[in-house]
């Protein structure tokens, strides 16, 4: 099968390795743990897995700070373990996508260490160093007013070099690479060839829409909540597009691979179309993941969600459709809530698998993994974002209980809890009695793979049905999409997928209230119900109901 067709016809299952399966009893997941669960992954009908970073790293941002791109972090195992993973996935017809983090490296990477050691080293120009500005008292200030995506200034003064700063649009331990230096491009191409020659299918490119800094001028200080100052000078720049086209031409296409982009920073559909023009095969945007009801709430607005989904589906040919990942909260208490939440989780699976684009599933989503029932104590939170947001809020004298609430909304600890393969001690993640790197979620005794495997009404069983429906019906991969925008209900989503003489009609109640079936669907004669998340259809839409018809 053509490599692009494979990505279009199959869902991608993301594995966050440290939280997936611990094979050696140290409380942290590893590559051998992943190998041990490949039969489980295959049983889901999954044909593509995406691994969050497994490279050598000090783990300041849990692997997204890489110190050696061609080594496996000993935390996860050895290169031999990786080769075994590639061998075993190939046996099962599963392809592997690696995370590629090239906006920045770790400050422990040899390139950066050489850049600090010798100002005249060629590696100095691998990064963005600039002299600061002096204030009226002769003190050095950062070169511009940019702020980090992780809060605070985007510049760090170099120890021992007064007035010299380096850029980091994430943590200070993640110095930004200088993509205006062609040597950086050559180094990254070499890294990509190394892994693709080992059989890797392609790459999910971390914050790939932010790698090229067109200018270092001051940014707009009124950037808006959640948007760092200066982003307008590095988000989706023309140089960014040139780089991706080159990577595609030089490395990806000759090897039949794929490029998947994480494109944050509120990119527009116009930006998205550019990224799909000879650059990326698909991408993630953050609009519908962040359509909160208000700044203090983690609840998503169903009305905003519907509007955003229709916009991106109409204006962009091939979206990366996701709801959960290692940076986004679980759907429970976010997209769905209340006594009908399990129906909501199933409804959202129908949404992901019937929209146009590639579905992305985050480990545990298939059985309904939850956020923690109550926020972890700040001291138990491992995520740097949670810690930073909490400290920032407290610095403005926000009460600790409210600072904790805000930190957990924007932090990423909930979604990184260990997997639950069964309800016994260790939950199948690790051996009984082992303390995991992050606390087990108490919900694991209720929502886990083994418990749901034999339950025909479980979220896991429904997941398998939805995955199989898309695998068996090319209309859900290649069909056109059109929405019923005349129905006045702002939290009911109805659309058609059409390919040749086959038309699927999908109706989703995004709310936990009763709603009407849209008139356009009710009046259709002879339609056949293929799938519902309730036991049978009704004359109205029940809370979070999903209906899939063949017209």
Protein backbone atom coordinates (compact mmCIF):
# COMPACT_ATOMS: atom_id res chain seq x y z
CA UNK A 1 0.00 0.00 0.00
CA UNK A 2 1.20 3.52 -0.79
CA UNK A 3 2.67 5.14 2.32
CA UNK A 4 0.26 8.09 2.23
CA UNK A 5 -2.71 5.77 1.77
CA UNK A 6 -1.62 3.77 4.81
CA UNK A 7 -1.74 6.89 6.98
CA UNK A 8 -5.13 7.83 5.54
CA UNK A 9 -6.67 4.41 6.11
CA UNK A 10 -5.43 3.68 9.64
CA UNK A 11 -5.58 5.37 13.01
CA UNK A 12 -2.42 6.29 14.91
CA UNK A 13 -2.03 5.12 18.52
CA UNK A 14 0.24 7.27 20.65
CA UNK A 15 2.41 5.69 23.34
CA UNK A 16 3.96 7.79 26.09
CA UNK A 17 6.71 5.28 26.91
CA UNK A 18 7.40 6.14 30.56
CA UNK A 19 3.71 5.51 31.36
CA UNK A 20 2.92 2.53 29.13
CA UNK A 21 4.47 -0.63 30.57
CA UNK A 22 7.36 -1.22 32.98
CA UNK A 23 9.21 -4.47 32.23
CA UNK A 24 12.05 -4.18 34.75
CA UNK A 25 10.28 -3.04 37.93
CA UNK A 26 11.76 0.44 38.24
CA UNK A 27 8.35 2.14 38.09
CA UNK A 28 8.98 3.58 34.63
CA UNK A 29 7.79 2.25 31.29
CA UNK A 30 10.34 1.04 28.74
CA UNK A 31 10.80 -0.43 25.27
CA UNK A 32 10.61 -4.07 26.39
CA UNK A 33 7.34 -3.17 28.10
CA UNK A 34 5.99 -1.89 24.78
CA UNK A 35 7.12 -5.10 23.06
CA UNK A 36 5.29 -7.14 25.69
CA UNK A 37 2.03 -5.35 24.85
CA UNK A 38 2.19 -5.50 21.05
CA UNK A 39 -0.37 -8.31 20.94
CA UNK A 40 -2.72 -6.08 22.92
CA UNK A 41 -2.14 -3.21 20.48
CA UNK A 42 -2.72 -5.56 17.55
CA UNK A 43 -5.97 -6.77 19.16
CA UNK A 44 -7.25 -3.19 19.03
CA UNK A 45 -6.89 -3.20 15.25
CA UNK A 46 -4.10 -0.60 15.43
CA UNK A 47 -1.60 -0.52 12.56
CA UNK A 48 0.46 2.59 13.39
CA UNK A 49 2.02 3.54 16.72
CA UNK A 50 3.67 6.85 17.58
CA UNK A 51 6.31 6.86 20.29
CA UNK A 52 6.90 9.99 22.33
CA UNK A 53 10.67 10.62 22.60
CA UNK A 54 12.87 7.70 23.64
CA UNK A 55 16.19 9.45 22.92
CA UNK A 56 18.92 10.17 25.47
CA UNK A 57 17.69 13.05 27.61
CA UNK A 58 18.08 14.65 31.06
CA UNK A 59 14.25 14.45 31.14
CA UNK A 60 13.70 18.08 32.20
CA UNK A 61 10.70 18.00 29.85
CA UNK A 62 10.32 14.22 29.82
CA UNK A 63 12.28 13.50 26.66
CA UNK A 64 11.41 16.61 24.69
CA UNK A 65 14.88 17.86 25.69
CA UNK A 66 17.21 15.63 23.69
CA UNK A 67 20.90 15.25 24.47
CA UNK A 68 21.70 12.62 21.81
CA UNK A 69 19.41 12.00 18.84
CA UNK A 70 21.05 8.70 17.89
CA UNK A 71 20.96 7.02 21.29
CA UNK A 72 18.19 5.42 23.33
CA UNK A 73 17.66 6.78 26.82
CA UNK A 74 18.87 4.06 29.25
CA UNK A 75 15.65 4.71 31.15
CA UNK A 76 13.82 3.03 28.25
CA UNK A 77 16.42 0.41 27.37
CA UNK A 78 19.02 -0.05 24.66
CA UNK A 79 19.29 0.28 20.91
CA UNK A 80 19.00 -3.51 20.80
CA UNK A 81 15.64 -3.17 22.53
CA UNK A 82 14.57 -0.66 19.91
CA UNK A 83 15.67 -3.01 17.12
CA UNK A 84 13.62 -5.77 18.76
CA UNK A 85 10.61 -3.44 18.82
CA UNK A 86 11.03 -2.76 15.11
CA UNK A 87 11.33 -6.48 14.39
CA UNK A 88 8.23 -7.39 16.41
CA UNK A 89 6.07 -4.57 15.03
CA UNK A 90 7.00 -5.60 11.50
CA UNK A 91 5.84 -9.16 12.22
CA UNK A 92 2.45 -7.77 13.19
CA UNK A 93 2.10 -5.34 10.30
CA UNK A 94 2.44 -2.35 12.64
CA UNK A 95 4.40 0.73 11.57
CA UNK A 96 6.30 2.99 13.97
CA UNK A 97 6.36 6.78 14.00
CA UNK A 98 9.05 8.52 16.06
CA UNK A 99 8.81 11.90 17.76
CA UNK A 100 11.19 14.41 16.17
CA UNK A 101 12.07 17.39 18.39
CA UNK A 102 14.12 19.91 16.40
CA UNK A 103 13.00 23.33 17.53
CA UNK A 104 15.49 22.89 20.34
CA UNK A 105 17.89 20.45 21.95
CA UNK A 106 18.73 19.83 25.57
CA UNK A 107 21.27 22.16 27.12
CA UNK A 108 23.23 18.94 27.75
CA UNK A 109 23.56 18.18 24.04
CA UNK A 110 27.22 18.17 22.91
CA UNK A 111 26.44 20.91 20.37
CA UNK A 112 25.26 23.30 23.06
CA UNK A 113 28.01 22.37 25.49
CA UNK A 114 30.60 23.12 22.81
CA UNK A 115 28.82 26.38 22.00
CA UNK A 116 29.16 27.45 25.63
CA UNK A 117 32.74 26.26 25.98
CA UNK A 118 34.09 28.05 22.91
CA UNK A 119 32.58 31.27 21.55
CA UNK A 120 34.35 30.63 18.24
CA UNK A 121 33.08 27.06 17.88
CA UNK A 122 30.99 26.30 14.81
CA UNK A 123 28.32 25.11 17.23
CA UNK A 124 27.83 28.64 18.54
CA UNK A 125 25.87 29.32 15.36
CA UNK A 126 23.79 26.17 15.85
CA UNK A 127 21.86 28.17 18.44
CA UNK A 128 20.60 31.74 18.81
CA UNK A 129 22.95 33.81 20.95
CA UNK A 130 22.55 37.56 21.20
CA UNK A 131 23.96 40.35 23.32
CA UNK A 132 21.44 41.92 25.65
CA UNK A 133 20.36 45.52 25.98
CA UNK A 134 21.55 47.83 28.76
CA UNK A 135 19.09 49.73 30.88
CA UNK A 136 19.71 53.21 32.28
CA UNK A 137 21.61 51.75 35.21
CA UNK A 138 23.91 49.77 32.94
CA UNK A 139 22.33 46.40 33.72
CA UNK A 140 21.88 43.91 30.92
CA UNK A 141 18.36 43.02 29.87
CA UNK A 142 17.34 40.30 27.38
CA UNK A 143 17.73 41.14 23.66
CA UNK A 144 13.95 41.47 23.23
CA UNK A 145 10.70 41.13 25.15
CA UNK A 146 9.83 37.60 24.08
CA UNK A 147 8.32 35.26 26.65
CA UNK A 148 8.51 31.49 26.84
CA UNK A 149 5.67 29.09 26.04
CA UNK A 150 6.32 27.71 29.53
CA UNK A 151 6.05 31.15 31.25
CA UNK A 152 8.79 33.66 32.02
CA UNK A 153 11.40 35.26 29.70
CA UNK A 154 12.47 33.43 26.52
CA UNK A 155 16.14 34.37 27.10
CA UNK A 156 18.71 33.05 29.55
CA UNK A 157 21.96 34.83 30.31
CA UNK A 158 25.04 32.72 29.65
CA UNK A 159 26.91 31.94 32.83
CA UNK A 160 30.34 33.57 32.74
CA UNK A 161 29.48 35.79 29.74
CA UNK A 162 27.92 38.95 31.09
CA UNK A 163 25.36 40.43 28.74
CA UNK A 164 25.21 37.38 26.41
CA UNK A 165 21.90 35.50 26.19
CA UNK A 166 20.54 32.45 24.36
CA UNK A 167 16.97 31.97 23.14
CA UNK A 168 14.64 29.28 24.51
CA UNK A 169 10.96 29.55 23.65
CA UNK A 170 10.32 26.64 26.02
CA UNK A 171 12.38 25.89 29.16
CA UNK A 172 15.85 27.32 29.72
CA UNK A 173 17.14 23.74 29.46
CA UNK A 174 15.83 23.66 25.85
CA UNK A 175 17.91 26.15 23.80
CA UNK A 176 16.45 26.90 20.37
CA UNK A 177 18.29 25.76 17.26
CA UNK A 178 19.23 28.33 14.64
CA UNK A 179 17.49 27.14 11.48
CA UNK A 180 19.06 29.94 9.45
CA UNK A 181 22.26 27.90 9.66
CA UNK A 182 22.26 25.32 6.84
CA UNK A 183 24.47 23.05 8.97
CA UNK A 184 21.50 22.52 11.34
CA UNK A 185 19.38 21.35 8.41
CA UNK A 186 22.08 18.87 7.37
CA UNK A 187 22.40 17.54 10.93
CA UNK A 188 18.64 17.00 11.22
CA UNK A 189 18.47 15.26 7.84
CA UNK A 190 21.23 12.92 9.02
CA UNK A 191 19.25 12.13 12.19
CA UNK A 192 16.11 11.38 10.18
CA UNK A 193 18.00 9.09 7.78
CA UNK A 194 19.48 7.21 10.74
CA UNK A 195 16.07 6.25 12.13
CA UNK A 196 14.33 5.69 8.80
CA UNK A 197 17.11 3.34 7.77
CA UNK A 198 16.18 1.33 10.87
CA UNK A 199 12.67 0.97 9.45
CA UNK A 200 10.84 3.89 11.05
CA UNK A 201 7.74 4.90 9.07
CA UNK A 202 8.12 8.60 9.70
CA UNK A 203 8.05 11.33 12.29
CA UNK A 204 5.65 13.34 14.40
CA UNK A 205 7.38 16.71 14.47
CA UNK A 206 7.14 18.52 17.78
CA UNK A 207 6.17 22.25 17.63
CA UNK A 208 7.23 22.19 13.99
CA UNK A 209 5.31 25.38 13.20
CA UNK A 210 7.65 27.41 15.43
CA UNK A 211 11.17 26.43 14.39
CA UNK A 212 12.11 29.39 12.15
CA UNK A 213 12.67 32.82 13.69
CA UNK A 214 12.32 35.39 10.91
CA UNK A 215 13.36 38.31 13.12
CA UNK A 216 14.29 38.95 16.74
CA UNK A 217 12.38 42.22 16.99
CA UNK A 218 10.22 42.89 20.03
CA UNK A 219 6.85 41.17 19.98
CA UNK A 220 3.41 42.58 20.58
CA UNK A 221 3.08 42.88 24.38
CA UNK A 222 -0.70 42.43 24.03
CA UNK A 223 -0.27 38.93 22.65
CA UNK A 224 -3.32 37.55 24.44
CA UNK A 225 -3.87 34.93 27.14
CA UNK A 226 -1.89 31.76 26.52
CA UNK A 227 0.08 33.24 23.61
CA UNK A 228 3.72 34.10 24.34
CA UNK A 229 5.05 37.52 23.36
CA UNK A 230 7.03 37.38 20.13
CA UNK A 231 5.23 34.41 18.56
CA UNK A 232 4.22 36.48 15.52
CA UNK A 233 7.91 36.46 14.52
CA UNK A 234 8.28 32.68 14.52
CA UNK A 235 4.86 31.08 14.00
CA UNK A 236 4.37 29.45 10.57
CA UNK A 237 6.98 31.61 8.88
CA UNK A 238 7.94 31.31 5.22
CA UNK A 239 11.34 29.93 6.24
CA UNK A 240 9.49 27.21 8.17
CA UNK A 241 7.75 26.08 4.98
CA UNK A 242 11.02 26.06 3.01
CA UNK A 243 12.66 23.83 5.61
CA UNK A 244 9.83 21.29 5.61
CA UNK A 245 9.78 21.10 1.82
CA UNK A 246 13.51 20.38 1.89
CA UNK A 247 13.22 17.67 4.55
CA UNK A 248 10.42 16.10 2.55
CA UNK A 249 12.38 16.14 -0.71
CA UNK A 250 15.73 15.04 0.71
CA UNK A 251 14.70 12.40 3.25
CA UNK A 252 11.02 11.55 3.60
CA UNK A 253 9.83 11.00 0.03
CA UNK A 254 12.86 8.94 -1.13
CA UNK A 255 12.21 6.57 1.78
CA UNK A 256 8.42 6.43 1.46
CA UNK A 257 7.83 8.02 4.85
CA UNK A 258 5.38 10.39 6.47
CA UNK A 259 5.66 13.67 8.33
CA UNK A 260 3.07 14.59 10.97
CA UNK A 261 3.26 18.07 12.45
CA UNK A 262 2.31 19.55 15.78
CA UNK A 263 1.27 23.04 14.72
CA UNK A 264 0.32 25.04 17.79
CA UNK A 265 0.26 28.75 18.41
CA UNK A 266 -3.23 29.24 16.95
CA UNK A 267 -2.32 28.63 13.34
CA UNK A 268 -5.06 29.41 10.83
CA UNK A 269 -6.62 27.11 8.22
CA UNK A 270 -4.63 29.08 5.63
CA UNK A 271 -1.44 28.13 7.48
CA UNK A 272 -2.68 24.55 7.56
CA UNK A 273 -3.18 24.42 3.80
CA UNK A 274 0.40 25.61 3.32
CA UNK A 275 1.73 22.91 5.64
CA UNK A 276 -0.10 20.26 3.59
CA UNK A 277 1.33 21.57 0.31
CA UNK A 278 4.36 19.32 -0.15
CA UNK A 279 5.38 19.52 3.52
CA UNK A 280 3.33 17.57 6.08
CA UNK A 281 0.95 14.65 5.53
CA UNK A 282 -1.26 15.82 8.35
CA UNK A 283 -0.99 18.01 11.43
CA UNK A 284 -2.51 18.88 14.80
CA UNK A 285 -3.89 22.32 15.54
CA UNK A 286 -5.01 23.41 18.99
CA UNK A 287 -8.27 25.31 18.36
CA UNK A 288 -10.77 22.70 19.43
CA UNK A 289 -8.54 21.31 22.18
CA UNK A 290 -8.60 24.71 23.87
CA UNK A 291 -12.18 25.93 23.35
CA UNK A 292 -12.87 26.27 27.07
CA UNK A 293 -16.05 27.76 28.48
CA UNK A 294 -13.96 30.29 30.40
CA UNK A 295 -10.40 30.90 31.63
CA UNK A 296 -10.92 29.08 34.95
CA UNK A 297 -12.87 26.10 33.61
CA UNK A 298 -11.48 22.92 32.09
CA UNK A 299 -14.87 22.24 30.46
CA UNK A 300 -15.05 22.54 26.69
CA UNK A 301 -17.89 24.58 25.17
CA UNK A 302 -19.94 22.31 22.87
CA UNK A 303 -21.09 25.30 20.80
CA UNK A 304 -17.52 26.47 20.23
CA UNK A 305 -16.39 22.92 19.50
CA UNK A 306 -18.99 22.43 16.77
CA UNK A 307 -18.14 25.73 15.11
CA UNK A 308 -14.39 25.06 15.19
CA UNK A 309 -14.70 21.50 13.89
CA UNK A 310 -16.83 22.57 10.93
CA UNK A 311 -14.40 25.38 10.08
CA UNK A 312 -11.31 23.15 10.00
CA UNK A 313 -13.06 20.30 8.18
CA UNK A 314 -14.38 22.63 5.48
CA UNK A 315 -11.19 24.64 4.97
CA UNK A 316 -8.45 21.98 5.30
CA UNK A 317 -8.28 18.74 3.30
CA UNK A 318 -6.63 16.42 5.78
CA UNK A 319 -6.63 17.15 9.51
CA UNK A 320 -5.02 15.20 12.30
CA UNK A 321 -8.10 14.49 14.43
CA UNK A 322 -7.39 14.04 18.14
CA UNK A 323 -8.89 14.80 21.53
CA UNK A 324 -6.31 13.38 23.96
CA UNK A 325 -2.53 13.14 24.00
CA UNK A 326 0.39 13.59 26.38
CA UNK A 327 -0.27 17.36 26.40
CA UNK A 328 -4.10 17.30 26.46
CA UNK A 329 -6.42 16.23 29.24
CA UNK A 330 -8.54 13.11 29.09
CA UNK A 331 -12.03 13.68 27.67
CA UNK A 332 -13.78 12.98 30.98
CA UNK A 333 -14.47 16.23 32.80
CA UNK A 334 -13.19 18.08 29.74
CA UNK A 335 -15.39 17.25 26.74
CA UNK A 336 -17.90 15.07 28.59
CA UNK A 337 -19.16 15.04 32.15
CA UNK A 338 -21.90 13.67 34.43
CA UNK A 339 -23.67 10.32 34.58
CA UNK A 340 -23.71 9.94 30.80
CA UNK A 341 -19.97 10.51 30.41
CA UNK A 342 -19.25 6.93 29.26
CA UNK A 343 -21.69 7.45 26.39
CA UNK A 344 -19.85 10.68 25.71
CA UNK A 345 -16.50 8.92 25.45
CA UNK A 346 -18.01 6.54 22.88
CA UNK A 347 -19.61 9.41 20.98
CA UNK A 348 -16.25 11.16 20.72
CA UNK A 349 -14.66 8.02 19.30
CA UNK A 350 -17.29 8.11 16.55
CA UNK A 351 -16.40 11.76 15.96
CA UNK A 352 -12.67 11.03 15.60
CA UNK A 353 -13.18 8.07 13.28
CA UNK A 354 -15.78 9.63 10.99
CA UNK A 355 -14.34 13.10 10.42
CA UNK A 356 -12.13 13.57 7.36
CA UNK A 357 -8.49 13.08 8.33
CA UNK A 358 -6.35 10.67 10.32
CA UNK A 359 -7.67 9.67 13.78
CA UNK A 360 -5.13 9.85 16.62
CA UNK A 361 -5.81 7.83 19.77
CA UNK A 362 -3.85 8.29 22.99
CA UNK A 363 -3.03 5.19 25.01
CA UNK A 364 -5.83 4.41 27.46
CA UNK A 365 -8.40 6.37 25.49
CA UNK A 366 -9.61 3.08 24.05
CA UNK A 367 -10.92 1.96 27.45
CA UNK A 368 -11.88 5.36 28.89
CA UNK A 369 -8.88 6.34 30.99
CA UNK A 370 -9.77 9.29 33.24
CA UNK A 371 -8.09 12.32 34.68
CA UNK A 372 -7.33 11.95 38.39
CA UNK A 373 -10.54 12.14 40.47
CA UNK A 374 -8.99 15.05 42.38
CA UNK A 375 -5.90 17.09 41.53
CA UNK A 376 -2.57 15.69 42.62
CA UNK A 377 -0.78 17.60 45.30
CA UNK A 378 1.60 20.03 43.65
CA UNK A 379 4.57 18.24 45.20
CA UNK A 380 3.49 15.03 43.42
CA UNK A 381 3.20 16.70 40.01
CA UNK A 382 6.07 15.82 37.69
CA UNK A 383 5.20 18.13 34.81
CA UNK A 384 7.29 21.28 34.45
CA UNK A 385 4.26 23.20 33.11
CA UNK A 386 2.17 22.39 36.18
CA UNK A 387 4.99 23.52 38.44
CA UNK A 388 5.71 26.69 36.44
CA UNK A 389 2.09 27.80 36.25
CA UNK A 390 1.63 27.20 39.97
CA UNK A 391 4.73 29.24 40.83
CA UNK A 392 3.67 32.02 38.48
CA UNK A 393 0.18 32.21 39.99
CA UNK A 394 1.56 32.25 43.52
CA UNK A 395 4.01 35.03 42.57
CA UNK A 396 0.93 37.16 41.85
CA UNK A 397 -0.41 36.22 45.31
CA UNK A 398 -3.14 33.96 43.92
CA UNK A 399 -4.36 31.77 46.83
CA UNK A 400 -2.77 28.32 46.79
CA UNK A 401 -6.05 26.46 46.20
CA UNK A 402 -6.84 28.61 43.14
CA UNK A 403 -3.24 28.52 41.91
CA UNK A 404 -3.41 24.73 42.09
CA UNK A 405 -6.68 24.69 40.12
CA UNK A 406 -5.21 26.88 37.37
CA UNK A 407 -1.97 24.85 37.30
CA UNK A 408 -3.85 21.59 36.85
CA UNK A 409 -5.93 23.03 34.04
CA UNK A 410 -2.85 23.93 32.01
CA UNK A 411 -0.56 21.23 33.37
CA UNK A 412 -0.06 17.76 31.91
CA UNK A 413 0.03 15.32 34.81
CA UNK A 414 -3.47 13.86 34.44
CA UNK A 415 -2.90 12.41 31.00
CA UNK A 416 0.49 10.97 31.92
CA UNK A 417 -0.66 8.57 34.64
CA UNK A 418 0.39 4.91 34.12
CA UNK A 419 -1.69 2.66 31.87
CA UNK A 420 -4.14 0.19 33.38
CA UNK A 421 -4.14 -3.20 31.68
CA UNK A 422 -5.98 -4.91 34.55
CA UNK A 423 -7.41 -4.05 37.99
CA UNK A 424 -4.91 -5.98 40.13
CA UNK A 425 -1.87 -4.60 41.99
CA UNK A 426 0.35 -2.68 39.58
CA UNK A 427 -2.53 -2.58 37.06
CA UNK A 428 -0.41 -4.44 34.53
CA UNK A 429 1.81 -1.39 34.19
CA UNK A 430 4.37 -2.69 36.68
CA UNK A 431 4.89 -5.47 39.20
CA UNK A 432 2.85 -5.45 42.41
CA UNK A 433 4.44 -3.31 45.10
CA UNK A 434 6.44 -1.14 42.71
CA UNK A 435 6.02 2.61 43.15
CA UNK A 436 5.32 4.15 39.73
CA UNK A 437 7.03 7.33 38.55
CA UNK A 438 3.68 9.11 38.85
CA UNK A 439 0.83 7.92 41.11
CA UNK A 440 -1.64 5.38 39.78
CA UNK A 441 -5.03 6.80 38.97
CA UNK A 442 -7.69 5.37 41.34
CA UNK A 443 -10.03 5.07 38.36
CA UNK A 444 -7.74 2.31 37.03
CA UNK A 445 -9.60 -0.27 39.09
CA UNK A 446 -12.81 0.61 37.24
CA UNK A 447 -11.55 1.54 33.78
CA UNK A 448 -8.94 -0.92 32.48
CA UNK A 449 -8.40 -3.12 29.46
CA UNK A 450 -8.92 -6.56 31.02
CA UNK A 451 -12.16 -5.62 32.78
CA UNK A 452 -13.63 -4.18 29.61
CA UNK A 453 -12.41 -6.89 27.26
CA UNK A 454 -15.28 -9.23 28.08
CA UNK A 455 -17.95 -6.55 28.32
CA UNK A 456 -19.78 -6.01 25.04
CA UNK A 457 -21.06 -2.63 26.22
CA UNK A 458 -17.69 -1.29 27.37
CA UNK A 459 -15.81 1.62 25.89
CA UNK A 460 -13.08 -0.79 24.75
CA UNK A 461 -15.52 -3.01 22.88
CA UNK A 462 -17.06 0.04 21.25
CA UNK A 463 -13.61 1.33 20.30
CA UNK A 464 -12.90 -1.88 18.41
CA UNK A 465 -16.23 -1.59 16.54
CA UNK A 466 -15.52 1.99 15.51
CA UNK A 467 -11.96 1.19 14.42
CA UNK A 468 -13.19 -1.77 12.37
CA UNK A 469 -15.98 0.31 10.79
CA UNK A 470 -13.43 2.76 9.40
CA UNK A 471 -11.03 0.01 8.33
CA UNK A 472 -13.78 -1.70 6.32
CA UNK A 473 -15.36 1.39 4.76
CA UNK A 474 -13.14 3.52 2.54
CA UNK A 475 -15.82 6.20 2.49
CA UNK A 476 -14.61 7.15 5.98
CA UNK A 477 -11.07 7.54 4.70
CA UNK A 478 -11.52 9.04 1.27
CA UNK A 479 -15.09 10.32 1.16
CA UNK A 480 -16.10 13.95 0.89
CA UNK A 481 -17.60 15.64 3.94
CA UNK A 482 -20.55 18.03 4.15
CA UNK A 483 -22.29 19.41 7.23
CA UNK A 484 -25.90 20.17 8.05
CA UNK A 485 -25.53 23.83 9.00
CA UNK A 486 -29.25 24.60 8.87
CA UNK A 487 -30.16 22.69 12.02
CA UNK A 488 -30.62 25.32 14.77
CA UNK A 489 -29.22 23.14 17.56
CA UNK A 490 -25.76 24.49 18.38
CA UNK A 491 -24.57 21.35 20.14
CA UNK A 492 -25.72 18.73 17.60
CA UNK A 493 -23.31 17.87 14.80
CA UNK A 494 -24.67 16.19 11.65
CA UNK A 495 -22.66 15.46 8.51
CA UNK A 496 -22.34 13.16 5.52
CA UNK A 497 -19.34 11.25 4.18
CA UNK A 498 -19.76 10.30 0.53
CA UNK A 499 -17.67 8.19 -1.85
CA UNK A 500 -19.13 6.91 -5.12
CA UNK A 501 -22.59 5.49 -4.43
CA UNK A 502 -22.03 5.07 -0.69
CA UNK A 503 -23.09 7.77 1.77
CA UNK A 504 -22.69 7.65 5.53
CA UNK A 505 -24.76 9.98 7.70
CA UNK A 506 -23.35 10.77 11.15
CA UNK A 507 -25.33 12.48 13.93
CA UNK A 508 -23.67 13.40 17.23
CA UNK A 509 -25.19 14.96 20.31
CA UNK A 510 -22.23 16.83 21.81
CA UNK A 511 -24.20 17.68 24.97
CA UNK A 512 -25.41 15.78 28.02
CA UNK A 513 -28.98 16.93 27.36
CA UNK A 514 -31.75 15.46 25.17
CA UNK A 515 -31.82 16.89 21.67
CA UNK A 516 -33.79 16.44 18.43
CA UNK A 517 -32.60 14.40 15.50
CA UNK A 518 -32.03 16.98 12.73
CA UNK A 519 -34.89 17.20 10.24
CA UNK A 520 -32.52 16.52 7.33
CA UNK A 521 -31.79 13.11 8.85
CA UNK A 522 -35.32 12.29 10.00
CA UNK A 523 -36.81 12.74 6.56
CA UNK A 524 -34.31 10.39 4.87
CA UNK A 525 -36.08 7.19 3.82
CA UNK A 526 -34.50 3.75 3.76
CA UNK A 527 -31.42 4.62 5.81
CA UNK A 528 -29.80 1.76 7.69
CA UNK A 529 -28.41 2.19 11.20
CA UNK A 530 -24.84 0.87 11.24
CA UNK A 531 -23.65 1.97 14.66
CA UNK A 532 -24.91 3.64 17.84
CA UNK A 533 -23.45 4.03 21.31
CA UNK A 534 -26.83 3.13 22.85
CA UNK A 535 -28.43 -0.30 22.49
CA UNK A 536 -30.84 0.91 19.82
CA UNK A 537 -31.89 4.13 18.15
CA UNK A 538 -34.68 6.33 19.49
CA UNK A 539 -36.97 9.03 18.11
CA UNK A 540 -34.78 11.69 19.72
CA UNK A 541 -31.13 12.12 20.63
CA UNK A 542 -30.23 11.03 24.13
CA UNK A 543 -27.31 12.61 26.02
CA UNK A 544 -24.08 12.18 24.02
CA UNK A 545 -25.79 9.89 21.53
CA UNK A 546 -23.99 8.94 18.33
CA UNK A 547 -25.71 7.54 15.24
CA UNK A 548 -24.07 6.29 12.05
CA UNK A 549 -26.37 5.49 9.11
CA UNK A 550 -25.82 4.13 5.63
CA UNK A 551 -28.02 6.13 3.26
